[in-house]
């Protein structure tokens, strides 16, 4: 569930902000997990043989869902949601290896 796409107002400052904490803990934390944390969780607790593939499939499903339902989402909210989803997918993407000669 992506709650960070919904604008909220800080009760202390009155400034708009996004809540980027998990509702439930994962690996004893409410911070967004790293790729390695998700891989470890998938392998160790969920007994998934290839959690890398699951992460990729979920990312693709997110992209497909946005494309399919874009016409149903208010444009401003769509951009916030897309931005949050893009950031989330980028955060758990495999590390890019730059090759040289």
N, C-alpha and C. Protein backbone atom coordinates (compact mmCIF):
# COMPACT_ATOMS: atom_id res chain seq x y z
N UNK A 1 0.86 -1.17 0.00
CA UNK A 1 0.00 0.00 0.00
C UNK A 1 0.90 1.23 0.00
N UNK A 2 0.70 2.09 -0.94
CA UNK A 2 1.53 3.29 -1.06
C UNK A 2 0.78 4.48 -0.45
N UNK A 3 1.09 4.79 0.80
CA UNK A 3 0.44 5.93 1.44
C UNK A 3 1.21 7.22 1.20
N UNK A 4 2.48 7.12 0.79
CA UNK A 4 3.30 8.31 0.59
C UNK A 4 2.77 9.19 -0.55
N UNK A 5 1.95 8.64 -1.43
CA UNK A 5 1.40 9.43 -2.53
C UNK A 5 0.32 10.40 -2.07
N UNK A 6 -0.21 10.15 -0.87
CA UNK A 6 -1.25 11.03 -0.32
C UNK A 6 -0.57 12.15 0.48
N UNK A 7 -0.92 13.38 0.16
CA UNK A 7 -0.33 14.50 0.87
C UNK A 7 -0.91 14.57 2.28
N UNK A 8 -0.04 14.85 3.21
CA UNK A 8 -0.43 14.97 4.61
C UNK A 8 0.17 16.27 5.13
N UNK A 9 -0.33 16.76 6.22
CA UNK A 9 0.19 17.99 6.81
C UNK A 9 0.77 17.65 8.18
N UNK A 10 1.98 18.10 8.42
CA UNK A 10 2.63 17.86 9.71
C UNK A 10 1.87 18.60 10.80
N UNK A 11 1.48 17.92 11.86
CA UNK A 11 0.78 18.60 12.95
C UNK A 11 1.69 19.57 13.70
N UNK A 12 2.99 19.39 13.58
CA UNK A 12 3.94 20.25 14.29
C UNK A 12 4.27 21.53 13.53
N UNK A 13 4.43 21.40 12.20
CA UNK A 13 4.87 22.55 11.42
C UNK A 13 3.80 23.09 10.47
N UNK A 14 2.80 22.27 10.17
CA UNK A 14 1.78 22.67 9.21
C UNK A 14 2.24 22.50 7.77
N UNK A 15 3.48 22.02 7.57
CA UNK A 15 4.01 21.84 6.23
C UNK A 15 3.55 20.50 5.64
N UNK A 16 3.33 20.47 4.33
CA UNK A 16 2.96 19.19 3.71
C UNK A 16 4.15 18.22 3.73
N UNK A 17 3.85 16.96 3.92
CA UNK A 17 4.90 15.94 3.90
C UNK A 17 4.29 14.59 3.54
N UNK A 18 5.14 13.65 3.18
CA UNK A 18 4.70 12.29 2.87
C UNK A 18 5.24 11.35 3.94
N UNK A 19 4.40 10.48 4.41
CA UNK A 19 4.80 9.49 5.41
C UNK A 19 5.40 8.30 4.67
N UNK A 20 6.68 8.11 4.81
CA UNK A 20 7.37 7.01 4.12
C UNK A 20 7.83 5.94 5.11
N UNK A 21 6.96 5.58 6.02
CA UNK A 21 7.26 4.48 6.94
C UNK A 21 6.27 3.35 6.68
N UNK A 22 6.72 2.15 6.92
CA UNK A 22 5.85 0.98 6.77
C UNK A 22 4.91 0.88 7.95
N UNK A 23 3.72 0.40 7.71
CA UNK A 23 2.75 0.20 8.79
C UNK A 23 3.21 -0.96 9.67
N UNK A 24 3.71 -2.01 9.05
CA UNK A 24 4.20 -3.17 9.77
C UNK A 24 5.73 -3.23 9.64
N UNK A 25 6.37 -3.76 10.64
CA UNK A 25 7.82 -3.89 10.59
C UNK A 25 8.23 -5.02 9.67
N UNK A 26 9.34 -4.82 9.00
CA UNK A 26 10.00 -5.84 8.20
C UNK A 26 11.46 -5.83 8.62
N UNK A 27 11.96 -6.95 9.07
CA UNK A 27 13.34 -7.03 9.58
C UNK A 27 13.54 -6.03 10.73
N UNK A 28 12.55 -5.96 11.60
CA UNK A 28 12.58 -5.13 12.81
C UNK A 28 12.65 -3.62 12.52
N UNK A 29 12.19 -3.22 11.35
CA UNK A 29 12.24 -1.80 10.99
C UNK A 29 10.98 -1.40 10.24
N UNK A 30 10.62 -0.13 10.37
CA UNK A 30 9.50 0.42 9.61
C UNK A 30 10.00 1.25 8.42
N UNK A 31 11.31 1.26 8.21
CA UNK A 31 11.87 1.95 7.05
C UNK A 31 11.70 1.08 5.81
N UNK A 32 11.64 1.71 4.64
CA UNK A 32 11.53 0.94 3.42
C UNK A 32 12.72 -0.01 3.34
N UNK A 33 12.49 -1.27 2.99
CA UNK A 33 13.59 -2.24 2.97
C UNK A 33 14.49 -2.08 1.75
N UNK A 34 15.72 -2.49 1.93
CA UNK A 34 16.66 -2.52 0.81
C UNK A 34 16.38 -3.76 -0.04
N UNK A 35 16.98 -3.82 -1.19
CA UNK A 35 16.85 -5.00 -2.04
C UNK A 35 17.32 -6.24 -1.28
N UNK A 36 18.46 -6.13 -0.61
CA UNK A 36 18.99 -7.29 0.10
C UNK A 36 18.06 -7.75 1.21
N UNK A 37 17.44 -6.82 1.91
CA UNK A 37 16.49 -7.18 2.96
C UNK A 37 15.32 -7.95 2.37
N UNK A 38 14.81 -7.50 1.22
CA UNK A 38 13.70 -8.21 0.57
C UNK A 38 14.13 -9.59 0.09
N UNK A 39 15.33 -9.68 -0.48
CA UNK A 39 15.83 -10.97 -0.94
C UNK A 39 15.97 -11.95 0.22
N UNK A 40 16.55 -11.47 1.32
CA UNK A 40 16.71 -12.32 2.51
C UNK A 40 15.35 -12.76 3.06
N UNK A 41 14.41 -11.84 3.13
CA UNK A 41 13.06 -12.15 3.60
C UNK A 41 12.42 -13.21 2.71
N UNK A 42 12.52 -13.02 1.40
CA UNK A 42 11.93 -13.98 0.46
C UNK A 42 12.53 -15.37 0.60
N UNK A 43 13.84 -15.43 0.69
CA UNK A 43 14.52 -16.73 0.78
C UNK A 43 14.31 -17.39 2.13
N UNK A 44 14.52 -16.64 3.20
CA UNK A 44 14.55 -17.21 4.55
C UNK A 44 13.16 -17.47 5.12
N UNK A 45 12.30 -16.49 5.08
CA UNK A 45 11.00 -16.63 5.74
C UNK A 45 9.89 -17.12 4.81
N UNK A 46 9.98 -16.77 3.53
CA UNK A 46 8.92 -17.16 2.59
C UNK A 46 9.30 -18.38 1.76
N UNK A 47 10.57 -18.80 1.85
CA UNK A 47 11.06 -19.97 1.13
C UNK A 47 10.86 -19.85 -0.38
N UNK A 48 11.09 -18.66 -0.90
CA UNK A 48 10.99 -18.41 -2.34
C UNK A 48 12.35 -18.73 -2.95
N UNK A 49 12.35 -19.56 -3.97
CA UNK A 49 13.59 -20.00 -4.58
C UNK A 49 14.31 -18.86 -5.31
N UNK A 50 13.57 -18.00 -6.01
CA UNK A 50 14.17 -16.90 -6.77
C UNK A 50 13.46 -15.58 -6.46
N UNK A 51 13.70 -15.01 -5.28
CA UNK A 51 13.00 -13.76 -4.94
C UNK A 51 13.35 -12.61 -5.89
N UNK A 52 14.49 -12.68 -6.57
CA UNK A 52 14.84 -11.65 -7.54
C UNK A 52 13.78 -11.57 -8.63
N UNK A 53 13.34 -12.74 -9.09
CA UNK A 53 12.32 -12.79 -10.14
C UNK A 53 10.99 -12.25 -9.64
N UNK A 54 10.68 -12.51 -8.39
CA UNK A 54 9.42 -12.01 -7.82
C UNK A 54 9.45 -10.48 -7.77
N UNK A 55 10.57 -9.91 -7.33
CA UNK A 55 10.70 -8.45 -7.29
C UNK A 55 10.51 -7.87 -8.68
N UNK A 56 11.12 -8.47 -9.69
CA UNK A 56 10.99 -7.98 -11.06
C UNK A 56 9.55 -8.10 -11.56
N UNK A 57 8.88 -9.21 -11.24
CA UNK A 57 7.50 -9.39 -11.67
C UNK A 57 6.57 -8.38 -11.01
N UNK A 58 6.80 -8.10 -9.74
CA UNK A 58 5.97 -7.11 -9.05
C UNK A 58 6.19 -5.73 -9.66
N UNK A 59 7.45 -5.38 -9.93
CA UNK A 59 7.74 -4.09 -10.57
C UNK A 59 7.06 -3.95 -11.91
N UNK A 60 7.08 -5.02 -12.70
CA UNK A 60 6.42 -4.99 -14.01
C UNK A 60 4.91 -4.86 -13.85
N UNK A 61 4.35 -5.57 -12.87
CA UNK A 61 2.90 -5.49 -12.63
C UNK A 61 2.51 -4.07 -12.21
N UNK A 62 3.37 -3.41 -11.44
CA UNK A 62 3.08 -2.02 -11.05
C UNK A 62 3.05 -1.13 -12.29
N UNK A 63 4.03 -1.28 -13.17
CA UNK A 63 4.06 -0.49 -14.40
C UNK A 63 2.84 -0.75 -15.26
N UNK A 64 2.50 -2.02 -15.41
CA UNK A 64 1.34 -2.39 -16.22
C UNK A 64 0.05 -1.82 -15.65
N UNK A 65 -0.09 -1.87 -14.32
CA UNK A 65 -1.29 -1.35 -13.67
C UNK A 65 -1.43 0.15 -13.88
N UNK A 66 -0.32 0.89 -13.72
CA UNK A 66 -0.38 2.33 -13.96
C UNK A 66 -0.78 2.64 -15.39
N UNK A 67 -0.20 1.93 -16.34
CA UNK A 67 -0.51 2.18 -17.75
C UNK A 67 -1.97 1.86 -18.05
N UNK A 68 -2.45 0.76 -17.52
CA UNK A 68 -3.83 0.33 -17.80
C UNK A 68 -4.88 1.24 -17.18
N UNK A 69 -4.59 1.79 -16.01
CA UNK A 69 -5.61 2.55 -15.28
C UNK A 69 -5.34 4.05 -15.23
N UNK A 70 -4.37 4.53 -15.98
CA UNK A 70 -4.03 5.96 -15.96
C UNK A 70 -5.25 6.85 -16.21
N UNK A 71 -6.09 6.45 -17.12
CA UNK A 71 -7.27 7.25 -17.47
C UNK A 71 -8.27 7.39 -16.32
N UNK A 72 -8.16 6.54 -15.32
CA UNK A 72 -9.09 6.56 -14.19
C UNK A 72 -8.58 7.37 -13.01
N UNK A 73 -7.33 7.83 -13.09
CA UNK A 73 -6.69 8.49 -11.95
C UNK A 73 -6.51 9.97 -12.23
N UNK A 74 -6.88 10.80 -11.28
CA UNK A 74 -6.71 12.26 -11.41
C UNK A 74 -5.23 12.53 -11.72
N UNK A 75 -4.95 13.40 -12.72
CA UNK A 75 -3.57 13.61 -13.18
C UNK A 75 -2.55 13.98 -12.10
N UNK A 76 -2.92 14.86 -11.17
CA UNK A 76 -1.97 15.24 -10.12
C UNK A 76 -1.63 14.07 -9.21
N UNK A 77 -2.66 13.30 -8.85
CA UNK A 77 -2.42 12.13 -8.01
C UNK A 77 -1.65 11.07 -8.77
N UNK A 78 -1.97 10.90 -10.05
CA UNK A 78 -1.24 9.93 -10.87
C UNK A 78 0.26 10.23 -10.85
N UNK A 79 0.62 11.50 -11.00
CA UNK A 79 2.04 11.85 -11.02
C UNK A 79 2.71 11.56 -9.67
N UNK A 80 2.02 11.85 -8.57
CA UNK A 80 2.58 11.54 -7.24
C UNK A 80 2.74 10.04 -7.05
N UNK A 81 1.71 9.29 -7.44
CA UNK A 81 1.75 7.84 -7.30
C UNK A 81 2.86 7.25 -8.17
N UNK A 82 2.94 7.69 -9.41
CA UNK A 82 3.98 7.20 -10.32
C UNK A 82 5.37 7.51 -9.77
N UNK A 83 5.54 8.70 -9.24
CA UNK A 83 6.83 9.08 -8.67
C UNK A 83 7.21 8.18 -7.50
N UNK A 84 6.26 7.92 -6.61
CA UNK A 84 6.52 7.04 -5.47
C UNK A 84 6.83 5.62 -5.93
N UNK A 85 6.06 5.12 -6.88
CA UNK A 85 6.29 3.76 -7.37
C UNK A 85 7.62 3.67 -8.11
N UNK A 86 7.95 4.69 -8.90
CA UNK A 86 9.24 4.69 -9.59
C UNK A 86 10.39 4.68 -8.59
N UNK A 87 10.28 5.48 -7.54
CA UNK A 87 11.32 5.52 -6.51
C UNK A 87 11.45 4.17 -5.80
N UNK A 88 10.32 3.56 -5.49
CA UNK A 88 10.34 2.27 -4.82
C UNK A 88 10.97 1.19 -5.68
N UNK A 89 10.60 1.17 -6.97
CA UNK A 89 11.19 0.17 -7.86
C UNK A 89 12.69 0.41 -8.03
N UNK A 90 13.10 1.66 -8.13
CA UNK A 90 14.52 1.98 -8.29
C UNK A 90 15.30 1.58 -7.04
N UNK A 91 14.70 1.72 -5.88
CA UNK A 91 15.39 1.41 -4.63
C UNK A 91 15.69 -0.08 -4.48
N UNK A 92 14.91 -0.94 -5.13
CA UNK A 92 15.14 -2.38 -5.01
C UNK A 92 15.63 -3.01 -6.32
N UNK A 93 15.98 -2.16 -7.27
CA UNK A 93 16.53 -2.67 -8.54
C UNK A 93 17.92 -3.22 -8.33
N UNK A 94 18.32 -4.16 -9.17
CA UNK A 94 19.68 -4.69 -9.04
C UNK A 94 20.70 -3.57 -9.30
N UNK A 95 21.85 -3.69 -8.65
CA UNK A 95 22.90 -2.71 -8.85
C UNK A 95 23.37 -2.74 -10.29
N UNK A 96 23.59 -1.57 -10.84
CA UNK A 96 24.09 -1.47 -12.21
C UNK A 96 25.61 -1.63 -12.18
N UNK A 97 26.10 -2.48 -13.03
CA UNK A 97 27.55 -2.70 -13.13
C UNK A 97 28.02 -2.03 -14.41
N UNK A 98 28.95 -1.13 -14.27
CA UNK A 98 29.49 -0.41 -15.42
C UNK A 98 30.75 -1.11 -15.88
N UNK A 99 30.72 -1.58 -17.09
CA UNK A 99 31.89 -2.27 -17.63
C UNK A 99 32.83 -1.30 -18.32
N UNK A 100 34.04 -1.64 -18.35
CA UNK A 100 35.03 -0.82 -19.03
C UNK A 100 35.88 -1.68 -19.91
N UNK A 101 36.76 -1.06 -20.60
CA UNK A 101 37.66 -1.80 -21.48
C UNK A 101 38.88 -2.21 -20.78
